[in-house]
Amino acid sequence: MVEKVANINRIRVEKSEALVAKGEDALDRYEFDYLLICNKICGKS
């Protein structure tokens, strides 16, 4: 999980550089959490 989180944050850093260059906010750092998600396509959100 440490390796996965580090990889996700590396990707976020790369994308944040492009966002900052456009004058937009950088992405927050990712921290692992267990999640309950919906696994049926239930609408637009």
All heavy atoms as atom14 arrays in JSON, in Angstrom:
{
  "sequence": "MVEKVANINRIRVEKSEALVAKGEDALDRYEFDYLLICNKICGKS",
  "atom14_mask": [
    [1, 1, 1, 1, 1, 1, 1, 1, 0, 0, 0, 0, 0, 0],
    [1, 1, 1, 1, 1, 1, 1, 0, 0, 0, 0, 0, 0, 0],
    [1, 1, 1, 1, 1, 1, 1, 1, 1, 0, 0, 0, 0, 0],
    [1, 1, 1, 1, 1, 1, 1, 1, 1, 0, 0, 0, 0, 0],
    [1, 1, 1, 1, 1, 1, 1, 0, 0, 0, 0, 0, 0, 0],
    [1, 1, 1, 1, 1, 0, 0, 0, 0, 0, 0, 0, 0, 0],
    [1, 1, 1, 1, 1, 1, 1, 1, 0, 0, 0, 0, 0, 0],
    [1, 1, 1, 1, 1, 1, 1, 1, 0, 0, 0, 0, 0, 0],
    [1, 1, 1, 1, 1, 1, 1, 1, 0, 0, 0, 0, 0, 0],
    [1, 1, 1, 1, 1, 1, 1, 1, 1, 1, 1, 0, 0, 0],
    [1, 1, 1, 1, 1, 1, 1, 1, 0, 0, 0, 0, 0, 0],
    [1, 1, 1, 1, 1, 1, 1, 1, 1, 1, 1, 0, 0, 0],
    [1, 1, 1, 1, 1, 1, 1, 0, 0, 0, 0, 0, 0, 0],
    [1, 1, 1, 1, 1, 1, 1, 1, 1, 0, 0, 0, 0, 0],
    [1, 1, 1, 1, 1, 1, 1, 1, 1, 0, 0, 0, 0, 0],
    [1, 1, 1, 1, 1, 1, 0, 0, 0, 0, 0, 0, 0, 0],
    [1, 1, 1, 1, 1, 1, 1, 1, 1, 0, 0, 0, 0, 0],
    [1, 1, 1, 1, 1, 0, 0, 0, 0, 0, 0, 0, 0, 0],
    [1, 1, 1, 1, 1, 1, 1, 1, 0, 0, 0, 0, 0, 0],
    [1, 1, 1, 1, 1, 1, 1, 0, 0, 0, 0, 0, 0, 0],
    [1, 1, 1, 1, 1, 0, 0, 0, 0, 0, 0, 0, 0, 0],
    [1, 1, 1, 1, 1, 1, 1, 1, 1, 0, 0, 0, 0, 0],
    [1, 1, 1, 1, 0, 0, 0, 0, 0, 0, 0, 0, 0, 0],
    [1, 1, 1, 1, 1, 1, 1, 1, 1, 0, 0, 0, 0, 0],
    [1, 1, 1, 1, 1, 1, 1, 1, 0, 0, 0, 0, 0, 0],
    [1, 1, 1, 1, 1, 0, 0, 0, 0, 0, 0, 0, 0, 0],
    [1, 1, 1, 1, 1, 1, 1, 1, 0, 0, 0, 0, 0, 0],
    [1, 1, 1, 1, 1, 1, 1, 1, 0, 0, 0, 0, 0, 0],
    [1, 1, 1, 1, 1, 1, 1, 1, 1, 1, 1, 0, 0, 0],
    [1, 1, 1, 1, 1, 1, 1, 1, 1, 1, 1, 1, 0, 0],
    [1, 1, 1, 1, 1, 1, 1, 1, 1, 0, 0, 0, 0, 0],
    [1, 1, 1, 1, 1, 1, 1, 1, 1, 1, 1, 0, 0, 0],
    [1, 1, 1, 1, 1, 1, 1, 1, 0, 0, 0, 0, 0, 0],
    [1, 1, 1, 1, 1, 1, 1, 1, 1, 1, 1, 1, 0, 0],
    [1, 1, 1, 1, 1, 1, 1, 1, 0, 0, 0, 0, 0, 0],
    [1, 1, 1, 1, 1, 1, 1, 1, 0, 0, 0, 0, 0, 0],
    [1, 1, 1, 1, 1, 1, 1, 1, 0, 0, 0, 0, 0, 0],
    [1, 1, 1, 1, 1, 1, 0, 0, 0, 0, 0, 0, 0, 0],
    [1, 1, 1, 1, 1, 1, 1, 1, 0, 0, 0, 0, 0, 0],
    [1, 1, 1, 1, 1, 1, 1, 1, 1, 0, 0, 0, 0, 0],
    [1, 1, 1, 1, 1, 1, 1, 1, 0, 0, 0, 0, 0, 0],
    [1, 1, 1, 1, 1, 1, 0, 0, 0, 0, 0, 0, 0, 0],
    [1, 1, 1, 1, 0, 0, 0, 0, 0, 0, 0, 0, 0, 0],
    [1, 1, 1, 1, 1, 1, 1, 1, 1, 0, 0, 0, 0, 0],
    [1, 1, 1, 1, 1, 1, 0, 0, 0, 0, 0, 0, 0, 0]
  ],
  "atom14_positions": [
    [[0.83, -1.2, 0.0], [0.0, 0.0, 0.0], [0.87, 1.26, 0.0], [0.53, 2.26, -0.66], [-0.93, -0.01, 1.22], [-2.07, 0.99, 1.11], [-3.07, 0.74, -0.37], [-3.74, -0.9, -0.06], [0.0, 0.0, 0.0], [0.0, 0.0, 0.0], [0.0, 0.0, 0.0], [0.0, 0.0, 0.0], [0.0, 0.0, 0.0], [0.0, 0.0, 0.0]],
    [[1.99, 1.21, 0.71], [2.91, 2.35, 0.71], [3.4, 2.63, -0.7], [3.45, 3.79, -1.15], [4.11, 2.08, 1.65], [5.18, 3.14, 1.48], [3.65, 2.04, 3.11], [0.0, 0.0, 0.0], [0.0, 0.0, 0.0], [0.0, 0.0, 0.0], [0.0, 0.0, 0.0], [0.0, 0.0, 0.0], [0.0, 0.0, 0.0], [0.0, 0.0, 0.0]],
    [[3.72, 1.57, -1.43], [4.19, 1.73, -2.81], [3.1, 2.29, -3.71], [3.34, 3.17, -4.55], [4.68, 0.38, -3.34], [5.26, 0.46, -4.75], [5.75, -0.89, -5.24], [5.83, -1.84, -4.43], [6.04, -1.01, -6.45], [0.0, 0.0, 0.0], [0.0, 0.0, 0.0], [0.0, 0.0, 0.0], [0.0, 0.0, 0.0], [0.0, 0.0, 0.0]],
    [[1.87, 1.78, -3.55], [0.76, 2.27, -4.37], [0.47, 3.73, -4.09], [0.25, 4.52, -5.02], [-0.49, 1.42, -4.09], [-0.44, 0.02, -4.65], [-1.72, -0.74, -4.34], [-1.66, -2.16, -4.89], [-2.89, -2.93, -4.6], [0.0, 0.0, 0.0], [0.0, 0.0, 0.0], [0.0, 0.0, 0.0], [0.0, 0.0, 0.0], [0.0, 0.0, 0.0]],
    [[0.46, 4.11, -2.83], [0.18, 5.49, -2.46], [1.27, 6.41, -3.02], [0.98, 7.5, -3.54], [0.07, 5.64, -0.93], [0.03, 7.11, -0.53], [-1.17, 4.92, -0.42], [0.0, 0.0, 0.0], [0.0, 0.0, 0.0], [0.0, 0.0, 0.0], [0.0, 0.0, 0.0], [0.0, 0.0, 0.0], [0.0, 0.0, 0.0], [0.0, 0.0, 0.0]],
    [[2.52, 5.96, -2.92], [3.63, 6.76, -3.45], [3.5, 6.96, -4.95], [3.75, 8.05, -5.48], [4.97, 6.1, -3.11], [0.0, 0.0, 0.0], [0.0, 0.0, 0.0], [0.0, 0.0, 0.0], [0.0, 0.0, 0.0], [0.0, 0.0, 0.0], [0.0, 0.0, 0.0], [0.0, 0.0, 0.0], [0.0, 0.0, 0.0], [0.0, 0.0, 0.0]],
    [[3.09, 5.91, -5.65], [2.91, 6.0, -7.1], [1.79, 6.96, -7.46], [1.91, 7.77, -8.4], [2.63, 4.62, -7.67], [2.55, 4.62, -9.18], [3.45, 5.1, -9.86], [1.48, 4.06, -9.72], [0.0, 0.0, 0.0], [0.0, 0.0, 0.0], [0.0, 0.0, 0.0], [0.0, 0.0, 0.0], [0.0, 0.0, 0.0], [0.0, 0.0, 0.0]],
    [[0.66, 6.88, -6.71], [-0.46, 7.79, -6.95], [-0.02, 9.24, -6.73], [-0.36, 10.13, -7.52], [-1.64, 7.44, -6.03], [-2.25, 6.1, -6.45], [-2.71, 8.54, -6.07], [-3.3, 5.57, -5.5], [0.0, 0.0, 0.0], [0.0, 0.0, 0.0], [0.0, 0.0, 0.0], [0.0, 0.0, 0.0], [0.0, 0.0, 0.0], [0.0, 0.0, 0.0]],
    [[0.75, 9.47, -5.67], [1.19, 10.84, -5.38], [2.19, 11.36, -6.41], [2.23, 12.56, -6.7], [1.78, 10.92, -3.97], [0.69, 10.95, -2.9], [-0.36, 11.55, -3.09], [0.93, 10.28, -1.78], [0.0, 0.0, 0.0], [0.0, 0.0, 0.0], [0.0, 0.0, 0.0], [0.0, 0.0, 0.0], [0.0, 0.0, 0.0], [0.0, 0.0, 0.0]],
    [[3.0, 10.44, -6.97], [3.9, 10.87, -8.06], [3.09, 11.34, -9.27], [3.42, 12.37, -9.89], [4.81, 9.71, -8.47], [6.0, 9.48, -7.56], [7.04, 8.58, -8.21], [6.52, 7.23, -8.43], [6.63, 6.25, -7.56], [7.22, 6.46, -6.38], [6.13, 5.05, -7.84], [0.0, 0.0, 0.0], [0.0, 0.0, 0.0], [0.0, 0.0, 0.0]],
    [[2.04, 10.61, -9.58], [1.18, 11.01, -10.7], [0.51, 12.34, -10.41], [0.39, 13.22, -11.28], [0.13, 9.91, -10.97], [0.82, 8.63, -11.44], [-0.89, 10.38, -12.01], [-0.11, 7.43, -11.57], [0.0, 0.0, 0.0], [0.0, 0.0, 0.0], [0.0, 0.0, 0.0], [0.0, 0.0, 0.0], [0.0, 0.0, 0.0], [0.0, 0.0, 0.0]],
    [[0.06, 12.51, -9.15], [-0.61, 13.77, -8.78], [0.33, 14.96, -8.85], [-0.07, 16.06, -9.23], [-1.21, 13.64, -7.37], [-2.39, 12.69, -7.3], [-3.21, 12.88, -6.05], [-4.45, 12.11, -6.1], [-5.48, 12.29, -5.31], [-5.42, 13.24, -4.37], [-6.56, 11.55, -5.42], [0.0, 0.0, 0.0], [0.0, 0.0, 0.0], [0.0, 0.0, 0.0]],
    [[1.59, 14.73, -8.47], [2.57, 15.81, -8.55], [2.78, 16.23, -10.0], [2.83, 17.43, -10.33], [3.91, 15.36, -7.93], [5.02, 16.36, -8.26], [3.77, 15.24, -6.41], [0.0, 0.0, 0.0], [0.0, 0.0, 0.0], [0.0, 0.0, 0.0], [0.0, 0.0, 0.0], [0.0, 0.0, 0.0], [0.0, 0.0, 0.0], [0.0, 0.0, 0.0]],
    [[2.88, 15.25, -10.9], [3.06, 15.55, -12.32], [1.86, 16.32, -12.88], [2.02, 17.3, -13.61], [3.27, 14.26, -13.11], [4.57, 13.54, -12.78], [4.66, 12.18, -13.44], [3.71, 11.82, -14.18], [5.68, 11.48, -13.25], [0.0, 0.0, 0.0], [0.0, 0.0, 0.0], [0.0, 0.0, 0.0], [0.0, 0.0, 0.0], [0.0, 0.0, 0.0]],
    [[0.65, 15.89, -12.51], [-0.53, 16.59, -13.0], [-0.68, 17.96, -12.36], [-1.17, 18.9, -12.98], [-1.78, 15.74, -12.71], [-1.87, 14.48, -13.55], [-3.21, 13.79, -13.38], [-3.32, 12.59, -14.32], [-4.64, 11.92, -14.21], [0.0, 0.0, 0.0], [0.0, 0.0, 0.0], [0.0, 0.0, 0.0], [0.0, 0.0, 0.0], [0.0, 0.0, 0.0]],
    [[-0.23, 18.08, -11.11], [-0.32, 19.37, -10.42], [0.56, 20.42, -11.09], [0.2, 21.6, -11.15], [0.09, 19.21, -8.95], [-0.86, 18.42, -8.26], [0.0, 0.0, 0.0], [0.0, 0.0, 0.0], [0.0, 0.0, 0.0], [0.0, 0.0, 0.0], [0.0, 0.0, 0.0], [0.0, 0.0, 0.0], [0.0, 0.0, 0.0], [0.0, 0.0, 0.0]],
    [[1.71, 20.0, -11.58], [2.59, 20.94, -12.28], [1.89, 21.55, -13.48], [2.0, 22.76, -13.73], [3.88, 20.23, -12.71], [4.77, 19.81, -11.53], [5.97, 19.01, -11.97], [6.06, 18.69, -13.19], [6.83, 18.69, -11.12], [0.0, 0.0, 0.0], [0.0, 0.0, 0.0], [0.0, 0.0, 0.0], [0.0, 0.0, 0.0], [0.0, 0.0, 0.0]],
    [[1.17, 20.72, -14.23], [0.44, 21.23, -15.39], [-0.71, 22.14, -14.96], [-0.97, 23.17, -15.6], [-0.09, 20.07, -16.22], [0.0, 0.0, 0.0], [0.0, 0.0, 0.0], [0.0, 0.0, 0.0], [0.0, 0.0, 0.0], [0.0, 0.0, 0.0], [0.0, 0.0, 0.0], [0.0, 0.0, 0.0], [0.0, 0.0, 0.0], [0.0, 0.0, 0.0]],
    [[-1.38, 21.78, -13.85], [-2.48, 22.6, -13.36], [-2.0, 23.96, -12.87], [-2.61, 25.0, -13.15], [-3.22, 21.87, -12.24], [-4.02, 20.62, -12.63], [-4.54, 19.91, -11.39], [-5.18, 20.99, -13.56], [0.0, 0.0, 0.0], [0.0, 0.0, 0.0], [0.0, 0.0, 0.0], [0.0, 0.0, 0.0], [0.0, 0.0, 0.0], [0.0, 0.0, 0.0]],
    [[-0.9, 23.96, -12.12], [-0.34, 25.21, -11.6], [0.09, 26.11, -12.74], [-0.07, 27.34, -12.69], [0.84, 24.91, -10.65], [1.57, 26.2, -10.27], [0.34, 24.2, -9.4], [0.0, 0.0, 0.0], [0.0, 0.0, 0.0], [0.0, 0.0, 0.0], [0.0, 0.0, 0.0], [0.0, 0.0, 0.0], [0.0, 0.0, 0.0], [0.0, 0.0, 0.0]],
    [[0.65, 25.5, -13.8], [1.07, 26.29, -14.96], [-0.11, 26.99, -15.62], [0.05, 28.05, -16.23], [1.78, 25.38, -15.97], [0.0, 0.0, 0.0], [0.0, 0.0, 0.0], [0.0, 0.0, 0.0], [0.0, 0.0, 0.0], [0.0, 0.0, 0.0], [0.0, 0.0, 0.0], [0.0, 0.0, 0.0], [0.0, 0.0, 0.0], [0.0, 0.0, 0.0]],
    [[-1.31, 26.4, -15.47], [-2.52, 27.01, -16.03], [-3.17, 27.98, -15.05], [-4.22, 28.56, -15.35], [-3.53, 25.93, -16.39], [-3.08, 24.99, -17.5], [-4.15, 23.93, -17.74], [-3.7, 22.94, -18.79], [-4.74, 21.87, -19.01], [0.0, 0.0, 0.0], [0.0, 0.0, 0.0], [0.0, 0.0, 0.0], [0.0, 0.0, 0.0], [0.0, 0.0, 0.0]],
    [[-2.56, 28.12, -13.86], [-3.14, 29.0, -12.85], [-4.19, 28.34, -11.99], [-4.93, 29.02, -11.26], [0.0, 0.0, 0.0], [0.0, 0.0, 0.0], [0.0, 0.0, 0.0], [0.0, 0.0, 0.0], [0.0, 0.0, 0.0], [0.0, 0.0, 0.0], [0.0, 0.0, 0.0], [0.0, 0.0, 0.0], [0.0, 0.0, 0.0], [0.0, 0.0, 0.0]],
    [[-4.29, 27.02, -12.04], [-5.26, 26.28, -11.24], [-4.62, 25.71, -9.98], [-3.38, 25.69, -9.86], [-5.88, 25.15, -12.07], [-6.59, 25.63, -13.34], [-7.14, 24.49, -14.15], [-7.28, 23.38, -13.59], [-7.42, 24.68, -15.35], [0.0, 0.0, 0.0], [0.0, 0.0, 0.0], [0.0, 0.0, 0.0], [0.0, 0.0, 0.0], [0.0, 0.0, 0.0]],
    [[-5.44, 25.24, -9.05], [-4.93, 24.69, -7.79], [-4.32, 23.32, -8.01], [-4.78, 22.52, -8.83], [-6.06, 24.58, -6.76], [-6.59, 25.94, -6.35], [-5.82, 26.92, -6.46], [-7.77, 26.02, -5.93], [0.0, 0.0, 0.0], [0.0, 0.0, 0.0], [0.0, 0.0, 0.0], [0.0, 0.0, 0.0], [0.0, 0.0, 0.0], [0.0, 0.0, 0.0]],
    [[-3.28, 23.04, -7.22], [-2.63, 21.73, -7.3], [-3.5, 20.68, -6.61], [-4.34, 21.0, -5.76], [-1.25, 21.79, -6.62], [0.0, 0.0, 0.0], [0.0, 0.0, 0.0], [0.0, 0.0, 0.0], [0.0, 0.0, 0.0], [0.0, 0.0, 0.0], [0.0, 0.0, 0.0], [0.0, 0.0, 0.0], [0.0, 0.0, 0.0], [0.0, 0.0, 0.0]],
    [[-3.3, 19.43, -6.99], [-4.05, 18.33, -6.39], [-3.53, 18.04, -4.98], [-2.33, 18.15, -4.72], [-3.93, 17.06, -7.24], [-4.48, 17.15, -8.67], [-4.13, 15.88, -9.44], [-5.98, 17.37, -8.65], [0.0, 0.0, 0.0], [0.0, 0.0, 0.0], [0.0, 0.0, 0.0], [0.0, 0.0, 0.0], [0.0, 0.0, 0.0], [0.0, 0.0, 0.0]],
    [[-4.44, 17.66, -4.07], [-4.04, 17.29, -2.72], [-3.31, 15.95, -2.74], [-3.54, 15.11, -3.62], [-5.26, 17.19, -1.81], [-5.96, 18.52, -1.63], [-5.27, 19.56, -1.72], [-7.19, 18.52, -1.43], [0.0, 0.0, 0.0], [0.0, 0.0, 0.0], [0.0, 0.0, 0.0], [0.0, 0.0, 0.0], [0.0, 0.0, 0.0], [0.0, 0.0, 0.0]],
    [[-2.46, 15.75, -1.75], [-1.78, 14.46, -1.63], [-2.8, 13.39, -1.23], [-3.73, 13.63, -0.48], [-0.66, 14.53, -0.59], [0.57, 15.29, -1.06], [1.69, 15.19, -0.04], [2.1, 13.82, 0.21], [2.91, 13.12, -0.57], [3.41, 13.67, -1.66], [3.25, 11.88, -0.27], [0.0, 0.0, 0.0], [0.0, 0.0, 0.0], [0.0, 0.0, 0.0]],
    [[-2.6, 12.2, -1.75], [-3.52, 11.1, -1.49], [-3.07, 10.33, -0.25], [-1.89, 10.06, -0.06], [-3.56, 10.15, -2.69], [-4.28, 8.85, -2.42], [-5.67, 8.8, -2.31], [-3.57, 7.66, -2.24], [-6.33, 7.61, -2.06], [-4.21, 6.47, -1.99], [-5.6, 6.45, -1.9], [-6.23, 5.27, -1.63], [0.0, 0.0, 0.0], [0.0, 0.0, 0.0]],
    [[-4.05, 9.98, 0.59], [-3.79, 9.12, 1.73], [-4.79, 7.98, 1.69], [-5.98, 8.19, 1.46], [-3.92, 9.87, 3.05], [-3.6, 8.99, 4.26], [-3.73, 9.74, 5.58], [-4.69, 10.51, 5.74], [-2.87, 9.54, 6.46], [0.0, 0.0, 0.0], [0.0, 0.0, 0.0], [0.0, 0.0, 0.0], [0.0, 0.0, 0.0], [0.0, 0.0, 0.0]],
    [[-4.33, 6.75, 1.91], [-5.21, 5.6, 1.8], [-6.3, 5.62, 2.86], [-6.05, 5.91, 4.02], [-4.41, 4.31, 1.93], [-5.29, 3.09, 2.07], [-5.85, 2.51, 0.95], [-5.58, 2.55, 3.32], [-6.69, 1.41, 1.07], [-6.4, 1.45, 3.45], [-6.97, 0.87, 2.32], [0.0, 0.0, 0.0], [0.0, 0.0, 0.0], [0.0, 0.0, 0.0]],
    [[-7.51, 5.29, 2.43], [-8.63, 5.06, 3.33], [-9.46, 3.91, 2.75], [-9.6, 3.78, 1.53], [-9.53, 6.3, 3.44], [-8.95, 7.35, 4.37], [-8.58, 7.0, 5.51], [-8.86, 8.53, 3.95], [0.0, 0.0, 0.0], [0.0, 0.0, 0.0], [0.0, 0.0, 0.0], [0.0, 0.0, 0.0], [0.0, 0.0, 0.0], [0.0, 0.0, 0.0]],
    [[-10.02, 3.1, 3.63], [-11.03, 2.15, 3.19], [-12.23, 2.95, 2.72], [-12.55, 4.0, 3.26], [-11.46, 1.23, 4.33], [-10.4, 0.28, 4.82], [-10.01, 0.26, 6.16], [-9.8, -0.64, 3.96], [-9.06, -0.63, 6.63], [-8.85, -1.54, 4.42], [-8.48, -1.53, 5.75], [-7.54, -2.41, 6.2], [0.0, 0.0, 0.0], [0.0, 0.0, 0.0]],
    [[-12.93, 2.42, 1.71], [-14.08, 3.13, 1.17], [-15.28, 2.2, 0.98], [-15.11, 1.02, 0.65], [-13.74, 3.78, -0.18], [-12.78, 4.97, -0.17], [-12.49, 5.39, -1.6], [-13.35, 6.13, 0.63], [0.0, 0.0, 0.0], [0.0, 0.0, 0.0], [0.0, 0.0, 0.0], [0.0, 0.0, 0.0], [0.0, 0.0, 0.0], [0.0, 0.0, 0.0]],
    [[-16.45, 2.75, 1.18], [-17.7, 2.13, 0.75], [-18.12, 2.87, -0.5], [-18.28, 4.1, -0.48], [-18.78, 2.27, 1.84], [-20.23, 2.04, 1.39], [-20.43, 0.61, 0.91], [-21.2, 2.38, 2.52], [0.0, 0.0, 0.0], [0.0, 0.0, 0.0], [0.0, 0.0, 0.0], [0.0, 0.0, 0.0], [0.0, 0.0, 0.0], [0.0, 0.0, 0.0]],
    [[-18.26, 2.15, -1.61], [-18.61, 2.78, -2.87], [-19.82, 2.09, -3.47], [-20.19, 0.98, -3.09], [-17.44, 2.75, -3.88], [-17.01, 1.31, -4.16], [-16.26, 3.57, -3.36], [-15.86, 1.2, -5.15], [0.0, 0.0, 0.0], [0.0, 0.0, 0.0], [0.0, 0.0, 0.0], [0.0, 0.0, 0.0], [0.0, 0.0, 0.0], [0.0, 0.0, 0.0]],
    [[-20.46, 2.77, -4.41], [-21.59, 2.18, -5.12], [-21.07, 1.49, -6.37], [-20.35, 2.1, -7.16], [-22.61, 3.25, -5.49], [-24.02, 2.58, -6.42], [0.0, 0.0, 0.0], [0.0, 0.0, 0.0], [0.0, 0.0, 0.0], [0.0, 0.0, 0.0], [0.0, 0.0, 0.0], [0.0, 0.0, 0.0], [0.0, 0.0, 0.0], [0.0, 0.0, 0.0]],
    [[-21.45, 0.22, -6.54], [-20.95, -0.56, -7.68], [-22.05, -0.81, -8.72], [-21.96, -1.74, -9.49], [-20.37, -1.89, -7.2], [-19.31, -2.41, -8.14], [-18.65, -1.64, -8.84], [-19.13, -3.71, -8.18], [0.0, 0.0, 0.0], [0.0, 0.0, 0.0], [0.0, 0.0, 0.0], [0.0, 0.0, 0.0], [0.0, 0.0, 0.0], [0.0, 0.0, 0.0]],
    [[-23.08, 0.02, -8.69], [-24.11, 0.02, -9.72], [-24.19, 1.43, -10.31], [-24.15, 2.41, -9.58], [-25.48, -0.36, -9.14], [-25.65, -1.83, -8.81], [-25.85, -2.67, -10.06], [-26.2, -4.11, -9.69], [-25.12, -4.83, -8.99], [0.0, 0.0, 0.0], [0.0, 0.0, 0.0], [0.0, 0.0, 0.0], [0.0, 0.0, 0.0], [0.0, 0.0, 0.0]],
    [[-24.29, 1.51, -11.63], [-24.39, 2.82, -12.26], [-25.78, 3.37, -11.96], [-26.76, 3.01, -12.59], [-24.14, 2.73, -13.77], [-22.73, 2.17, -14.03], [-24.29, 4.1, -14.43], [-22.4, 1.96, -15.49], [0.0, 0.0, 0.0], [0.0, 0.0, 0.0], [0.0, 0.0, 0.0], [0.0, 0.0, 0.0], [0.0, 0.0, 0.0], [0.0, 0.0, 0.0]],
    [[-25.84, 4.28, -10.98], [-27.12, 4.72, -10.43], [-27.49, 6.14, -10.83], [-28.47, 6.68, -10.34], [-27.07, 4.62, -8.9], [-25.73, 5.56, -8.14], [0.0, 0.0, 0.0], [0.0, 0.0, 0.0], [0.0, 0.0, 0.0], [0.0, 0.0, 0.0], [0.0, 0.0, 0.0], [0.0, 0.0, 0.0], [0.0, 0.0, 0.0], [0.0, 0.0, 0.0]],
    [[-26.72, 6.75, -11.73], [-27.04, 8.12, -12.14], [-25.79, 8.9, -12.48], [-24.67, 8.37, -12.47], [0.0, 0.0, 0.0], [0.0, 0.0, 0.0], [0.0, 0.0, 0.0], [0.0, 0.0, 0.0], [0.0, 0.0, 0.0], [0.0, 0.0, 0.0], [0.0, 0.0, 0.0], [0.0, 0.0, 0.0], [0.0, 0.0, 0.0], [0.0, 0.0, 0.0]],
    [[-25.97, 10.17, -12.77], [-24.88, 10.99, -13.3], [-23.76, 11.23, -12.28], [-22.62, 11.49, -12.67], [-25.41, 12.33, -13.81], [-26.08, 13.19, -12.74], [-26.63, 14.47, -13.34], [-27.3, 15.35, -12.29], [-27.84, 16.6, -12.87], [0.0, 0.0, 0.0], [0.0, 0.0, 0.0], [0.0, 0.0, 0.0], [0.0, 0.0, 0.0], [0.0, 0.0, 0.0]],
    [[-24.05, 11.15, -10.99], [-23.01, 11.35, -9.97], [-22.63, 10.04, -9.28], [-22.11, 10.05, -8.17], [-23.47, 12.38, -8.93], [-23.6, 13.65, -9.5], [0.0, 0.0, 0.0], [0.0, 0.0, 0.0], [0.0, 0.0, 0.0], [0.0, 0.0, 0.0], [0.0, 0.0, 0.0], [0.0, 0.0, 0.0], [0.0, 0.0, 0.0], [0.0, 0.0, 0.0]]
  ]
}
